[in-house]
């Protein structure tokens, strides 16, 4: 008898989300985090958010 296994067990880095797709682990950093989802996702610092918003704001 065959059974499905969770592909997400121990596949993603610290603070990362894992979503199985076609029996393969897909790792992503959650909103408010960045980094390599296979290693570790770090909280975005407020200065990084402000800088990003400043770079994307063309009409203020």
PDB file of N, CA and C in Angstrom:
ATOM      1  N   UNK A   1       0.837  -1.178   0.000  1.00  0.00           N
ATOM      2  CA  UNK A   1       0.000   0.000   0.000  1.00  0.00           C
ATOM      3  C   UNK A   1       0.882   1.242   0.000  1.00  0.00           C
ATOM      4  N   UNK A   2       0.534   2.190  -0.809  1.00  0.00           N
ATOM      5  CA  UNK A   2       1.311   3.417  -0.975  1.00  0.00           C
ATOM      6  C   UNK A   2       0.643   4.552  -0.194  1.00  0.00           C
ATOM      7  N   UNK A   3       1.444   5.430   0.404  1.00  0.00           N
ATOM      8  CA  UNK A   3       0.880   6.584   1.102  1.00  0.00           C
ATOM      9  C   UNK A   3       1.657   7.833   0.722  1.00  0.00           C
ATOM     10  N   UNK A   4       0.951   8.954   0.722  1.00  0.00           N
ATOM     11  CA  UNK A   4       1.592  10.231   0.398  1.00  0.00           C
ATOM     12  C   UNK A   4       2.352  10.736   1.616  1.00  0.00           C
ATOM     13  N   UNK A   5       3.510  11.317   1.374  1.00  0.00           N
ATOM     14  CA  UNK A   5       4.298  11.929   2.433  1.00  0.00           C
ATOM     15  C   UNK A   5       4.288  13.434   2.233  1.00  0.00           C
ATOM     16  N   UNK A   6       4.392  14.149   3.315  1.00  0.00           N
ATOM     17  CA  UNK A   6       4.437  15.601   3.261  1.00  0.00           C
ATOM     18  C   UNK A   6       5.810  16.023   2.742  1.00  0.00           C
ATOM     19  N   UNK A   7       5.888  16.671   1.565  1.00  0.00           N
ATOM     20  CA  UNK A   7       7.184  17.067   1.017  1.00  0.00           C
ATOM     21  C   UNK A   7       7.814  18.244   1.762  1.00  0.00           C
ATOM     22  N   UNK A   8       7.057  18.875   2.655  1.00  0.00           N
ATOM     23  CA  UNK A   8       7.553  20.067   3.340  1.00  0.00           C
ATOM     24  C   UNK A   8       8.345  19.783   4.613  1.00  0.00           C
ATOM     25  N   UNK A   9       8.399  18.555   5.059  1.00  0.00           N
ATOM     26  CA  UNK A   9       9.098  18.233   6.305  1.00  0.00           C
ATOM     27  C   UNK A   9      10.590  18.547   6.162  1.00  0.00           C
ATOM     28  N   UNK A  10      11.065  19.509   6.966  1.00  0.00           N
ATOM     29  CA  UNK A  10      12.489  19.898   7.009  1.00  0.00           C
ATOM     30  C   UNK A  10      13.058  20.322   5.660  1.00  0.00           C
ATOM     31  N   UNK A  11      12.274  20.968   4.828  1.00  0.00           N
ATOM     32  CA  UNK A  11      12.756  21.381   3.511  1.00  0.00           C
ATOM     33  C   UNK A  11      13.071  22.868   3.424  1.00  0.00           C
ATOM     34  N   UNK A  12      12.392  23.691   4.209  1.00  0.00           N
ATOM     35  CA  UNK A  12      12.555  25.142   4.105  1.00  0.00           C
ATOM     36  C   UNK A  12      13.372  25.692   5.264  1.00  0.00           C
ATOM     37  N   UNK A  13      13.856  26.919   5.065  1.00  0.00           N
ATOM     38  CA  UNK A  13      14.667  27.568   6.080  1.00  0.00           C
ATOM     39  C   UNK A  13      13.839  28.124   7.228  1.00  0.00           C
ATOM     40  N   UNK A  14      14.533  28.735   8.171  1.00  0.00           N
ATOM     41  CA  UNK A  14      13.923  29.324   9.359  1.00  0.00           C
ATOM     42  C   UNK A  14      12.964  30.442   8.944  1.00  0.00           C
ATOM     43  N   UNK A  15      11.788  30.471   9.516  1.00  0.00           N
ATOM     44  CA  UNK A  15      10.731  31.466   9.280  1.00  0.00           C
ATOM     45  C   UNK A  15      10.089  31.372   7.900  1.00  0.00           C
ATOM     46  N   UNK A  16      10.447  30.402   7.090  1.00  0.00           N
ATOM     47  CA  UNK A  16       9.897  30.278   5.738  1.00  0.00           C
ATOM     48  C   UNK A  16       8.588  29.499   5.742  1.00  0.00           C
ATOM     49  N   UNK A  17       7.772  29.777   4.731  1.00  0.00           N
ATOM     50  CA  UNK A  17       6.541  29.022   4.507  1.00  0.00           C
ATOM     51  C   UNK A  17       6.814  27.946   3.473  1.00  0.00           C
ATOM     52  N   UNK A  18       6.148  26.820   3.621  1.00  0.00           N
ATOM     53  CA  UNK A  18       6.274  25.744   2.648  1.00  0.00           C
ATOM     54  C   UNK A  18       4.893  25.383   2.124  1.00  0.00           C
ATOM     55  N   UNK A  19       4.760  25.365   0.812  1.00  0.00           N
ATOM     56  CA  UNK A  19       3.517  24.967   0.166  1.00  0.00           C
ATOM     57  C   UNK A  19       3.823  23.842  -0.803  1.00  0.00           C
ATOM     58  N   UNK A  20       3.268  22.663  -0.561  1.00  0.00           N
ATOM     59  CA  UNK A  20       3.523  21.549  -1.483  1.00  0.00           C
ATOM     60  C   UNK A  20       2.793  21.763  -2.804  1.00  0.00           C
ATOM     61  N   UNK A  21       3.514  21.588  -3.892  1.00  0.00           N
ATOM     62  CA  UNK A  21       2.926  21.678  -5.227  1.00  0.00           C
ATOM     63  C   UNK A  21       3.382  20.467  -6.017  1.00  0.00           C
ATOM     64  N   UNK A  22       2.436  19.637  -6.386  1.00  0.00           N
ATOM     65  CA  UNK A  22       2.725  18.410  -7.133  1.00  0.00           C
ATOM     66  C   UNK A  22       3.794  17.571  -6.444  1.00  0.00           C
ATOM     67  N   UNK A  23       3.651  17.432  -5.148  1.00  0.00           N
ATOM     68  CA  UNK A  23       4.537  16.605  -4.314  1.00  0.00           C
ATOM     69  C   UNK A  23       5.950  17.170  -4.186  1.00  0.00           C
ATOM     70  N   UNK A  24       6.099  18.471  -4.441  1.00  0.00           N
ATOM     71  CA  UNK A  24       7.400  19.141  -4.310  1.00  0.00           C
ATOM     72  C   UNK A  24       7.237  20.314  -3.348  1.00  0.00           C
ATOM     73  N   UNK A  25       8.196  20.490  -2.450  1.00  0.00           N
ATOM     74  CA  UNK A  25       8.163  21.600  -1.501  1.00  0.00           C
ATOM     75  C   UNK A  25       8.518  22.902  -2.211  1.00  0.00           C
ATOM     76  N   UNK A  26       7.674  23.923  -2.045  1.00  0.00           N
ATOM     77  CA  UNK A  26       7.939  25.256  -2.580  1.00  0.00           C
ATOM     78  C   UNK A  26       8.063  26.186  -1.378  1.00  0.00           C
ATOM     79  N   UNK A  27       9.276  26.714  -1.169  1.00  0.00           N
ATOM     80  CA  UNK A  27       9.561  27.544  -0.003  1.00  0.00           C
ATOM     81  C   UNK A  27       9.527  29.019  -0.380  1.00  0.00           C
ATOM     82  N   UNK A  28       8.865  29.833   0.454  1.00  0.00           N
ATOM     83  CA  UNK A  28       8.805  31.275   0.240  1.00  0.00           C
ATOM     84  C   UNK A  28       8.910  31.986   1.583  1.00  0.00           C
ATOM     85  N   UNK A  29       9.411  33.212   1.537  1.00  0.00           N
ATOM     86  CA  UNK A  29       9.426  34.038   2.739  1.00  0.00           C
ATOM     87  C   UNK A  29       8.058  34.707   2.869  1.00  0.00           C
ATOM     88  N   UNK A  30       7.514  34.773   4.081  1.00  0.00           N
ATOM     89  CA  UNK A  30       6.208  35.400   4.270  1.00  0.00           C
ATOM     90  C   UNK A  30       6.286  36.916   4.117  1.00  0.00           C
ATOM     91  N   UNK A  31       5.139  37.558   4.021  1.00  0.00           N
ATOM     92  CA  UNK A  31       5.080  39.019   3.936  1.00  0.00           C
ATOM     93  C   UNK A  31       5.796  39.622   5.138  1.00  0.00           C
ATOM     94  N   UNK A  32       6.593  40.654   4.880  1.00  0.00           N
ATOM     95  CA  UNK A  32       7.345  41.299   5.945  1.00  0.00           C
ATOM     96  C   UNK A  32       8.698  40.676   6.218  1.00  0.00           C
ATOM     97  N   UNK A  33       9.049  39.654   5.435  1.00  0.00           N
ATOM     98  CA  UNK A  33      10.339  38.970   5.567  1.00  0.00           C
ATOM     99  C   UNK A  33      11.011  38.911   4.201  1.00  0.00           C
ATOM    100  N   UNK A  34      12.331  38.843   4.204  1.00  0.00           N
ATOM    101  CA  UNK A  34      13.072  38.598   2.969  1.00  0.00           C
ATOM    102  C   UNK A  34      14.259  37.705   3.280  1.00  0.00           C
ATOM    103  N   UNK A  35      14.933  37.269   2.245  1.00  0.00           N
ATOM    104  CA  UNK A  35      16.066  36.369   2.418  1.00  0.00           C
ATOM    105  C   UNK A  35      15.937  35.170   1.509  1.00  0.00           C
ATOM    106  N   UNK A  36      16.709  34.156   1.769  1.00  0.00           N
ATOM    107  CA  UNK A  36      16.667  32.915   1.003  1.00  0.00           C
ATOM    108  C   UNK A  36      15.770  31.941   1.754  1.00  0.00           C
ATOM    109  N   UNK A  37      14.614  31.643   1.190  1.00  0.00           N
ATOM    110  CA  UNK A  37      13.628  30.791   1.865  1.00  0.00           C
ATOM    111  C   UNK A  37      14.144  29.378   2.124  1.00  0.00           C
ATOM    112  N   UNK A  38      15.198  28.979   1.444  1.00  0.00           N
ATOM    113  CA  UNK A  38      15.772  27.657   1.690  1.00  0.00           C
ATOM    114  C   UNK A  38      16.725  27.669   2.886  1.00  0.00           C
ATOM    115  N   UNK A  39      17.167  28.869   3.281  1.00  0.00           N
ATOM    116  CA  UNK A  39      18.105  28.991   4.408  1.00  0.00           C
ATOM    117  C   UNK A  39      17.444  29.697   5.592  1.00  0.00           C
ATOM    118  N   UNK A  40      17.070  30.978   5.413  1.00  0.00           N
ATOM    119  CA  UNK A  40      16.422  31.723   6.488  1.00  0.00           C
ATOM    120  C   UNK A  40      15.782  32.988   5.943  1.00  0.00           C
ATOM    121  N   UNK A  41      14.585  33.291   6.430  1.00  0.00           N
ATOM    122  CA  UNK A  41      13.885  34.535   6.117  1.00  0.00           C
ATOM    123  C   UNK A  41      14.045  35.474   7.310  1.00  0.00           C
ATOM    124  N   UNK A  42      14.444  36.708   7.034  1.00  0.00           N
ATOM    125  CA  UNK A  42      14.678  37.702   8.071  1.00  0.00           C
ATOM    126  C   UNK A  42      13.584  38.758   8.025  1.00  0.00           C
ATOM    127  N   UNK A  43      13.179  39.294   9.191  1.00  0.00           N
ATOM    128  CA  UNK A  43      12.201  40.388   9.186  1.00  0.00           C
ATOM    129  C   UNK A  43      12.778  41.591   8.440  1.00  0.00           C
ATOM    130  N   UNK A  44      11.949  42.233   7.639  1.00  0.00           N
ATOM    131  CA  UNK A  44      12.373  43.434   6.921  1.00  0.00           C
ATOM    132  C   UNK A  44      12.459  44.562   7.939  1.00  0.00           C
ATOM    133  N   UNK A  45      13.583  45.265   7.936  1.00  0.00           N
ATOM    134  CA  UNK A  45      13.748  46.406   8.836  1.00  0.00           C
ATOM    135  C   UNK A  45      12.947  47.582   8.293  1.00  0.00           C
ATOM    136  N   UNK A  46      12.462  48.431   9.161  1.00  0.00           N
ATOM    137  CA  UNK A  46      11.640  49.562   8.734  1.00  0.00           C
ATOM    138  C   UNK A  46      12.401  50.476   7.784  1.00  0.00           C
ATOM    139  N   UNK A  47      13.727  50.607   7.919  1.00  0.00           N
ATOM    140  CA  UNK A  47      14.504  51.443   7.002  1.00  0.00           C
ATOM    141  C   UNK A  47      14.502  50.847   5.600  1.00  0.00           C
ATOM    142  N   UNK A  48      14.487  49.513   5.488  1.00  0.00           N
ATOM    143  CA  UNK A  48      14.428  48.877   4.175  1.00  0.00           C
ATOM    144  C   UNK A  48      13.077  49.123   3.525  1.00  0.00           C
ATOM    145  N   UNK A  49      12.013  49.074   4.301  1.00  0.00           N
ATOM    146  CA  UNK A  49      10.683  49.324   3.760  1.00  0.00           C
ATOM    147  C   UNK A  49      10.592  50.763   3.292  1.00  0.00           C
ATOM    148  N   UNK A  50      11.058  51.693   4.108  1.00  0.00           N
ATOM    149  CA  UNK A  50      11.011  53.103   3.744  1.00  0.00           C
ATOM    150  C   UNK A  50      11.816  53.359   2.484  1.00  0.00           C
ATOM    151  N   UNK A  51      13.005  52.781   2.380  1.00  0.00           N
ATOM    152  CA  UNK A  51      13.844  52.964   1.198  1.00  0.00           C
ATOM    153  C   UNK A  51      13.159  52.384  -0.028  1.00  0.00           C
ATOM    154  N   UNK A  52      12.563  51.201   0.094  1.00  0.00           N
ATOM    155  CA  UNK A  52      11.863  50.582  -1.027  1.00  0.00           C
ATOM    156  C   UNK A  52      10.690  51.451  -1.459  1.00  0.00           C
ATOM    157  N   UNK A  53       9.922  51.940  -0.512  1.00  0.00           N
ATOM    158  CA  UNK A  53       8.782  52.783  -0.841  1.00  0.00           C
ATOM    159  C   UNK A  53       9.251  54.069  -1.507  1.00  0.00           C
ATOM    160  N   UNK A  54      10.360  54.622  -1.053  1.00  0.00           N
ATOM    161  CA  UNK A  54      10.885  55.840  -1.660  1.00  0.00           C
ATOM    162  C   UNK A  54      11.323  55.594  -3.096  1.00  0.00           C
ATOM    163  N   UNK A  55      11.913  54.447  -3.372  1.00  0.00           N
ATOM    164  CA  UNK A  55      12.361  54.138  -4.724  1.00  0.00           C
ATOM    165  C   UNK A  55      11.199  53.869  -5.669  1.00  0.00           C
ATOM    166  N   UNK A  56      10.080  53.380  -5.163  1.00  0.00           N
ATOM    167  CA  UNK A  56       8.948  53.058  -6.028  1.00  0.00           C
ATOM    168  C   UNK A  56       7.959  54.204  -6.140  1.00  0.00           C
ATOM    169  N   UNK A  57       8.126  55.235  -5.349  1.00  0.00           N
ATOM    170  CA  UNK A  57       7.207  56.377  -5.381  1.00  0.00           C
ATOM    171  C   UNK A  57       7.679  57.368  -6.436  1.00  0.00           C
ATOM    172  N   UNK A  58       6.916  57.505  -7.523  1.00  0.00           N
ATOM    173  CA  UNK A  58       7.310  58.430  -8.585  1.00  0.00           C
ATOM    174  C   UNK A  58       6.516  59.720  -8.534  1.00  0.00           C
ATOM    175  N   UNK A  59       5.272  59.665  -8.053  1.00  0.00           N
ATOM    176  CA  UNK A  59       4.449  60.865  -7.926  1.00  0.00           C
ATOM    177  C   UNK A  59       3.998  60.959  -6.480  1.00  0.00           C
ATOM    178  N   UNK A  60       4.497  61.981  -5.778  1.00  0.00           N
ATOM    179  CA  UNK A  60       4.119  62.136  -4.364  1.00  0.00           C
ATOM    180  C   UNK A  60       3.380  63.433  -4.149  1.00  0.00           C
TER     181      UNK A  60
END
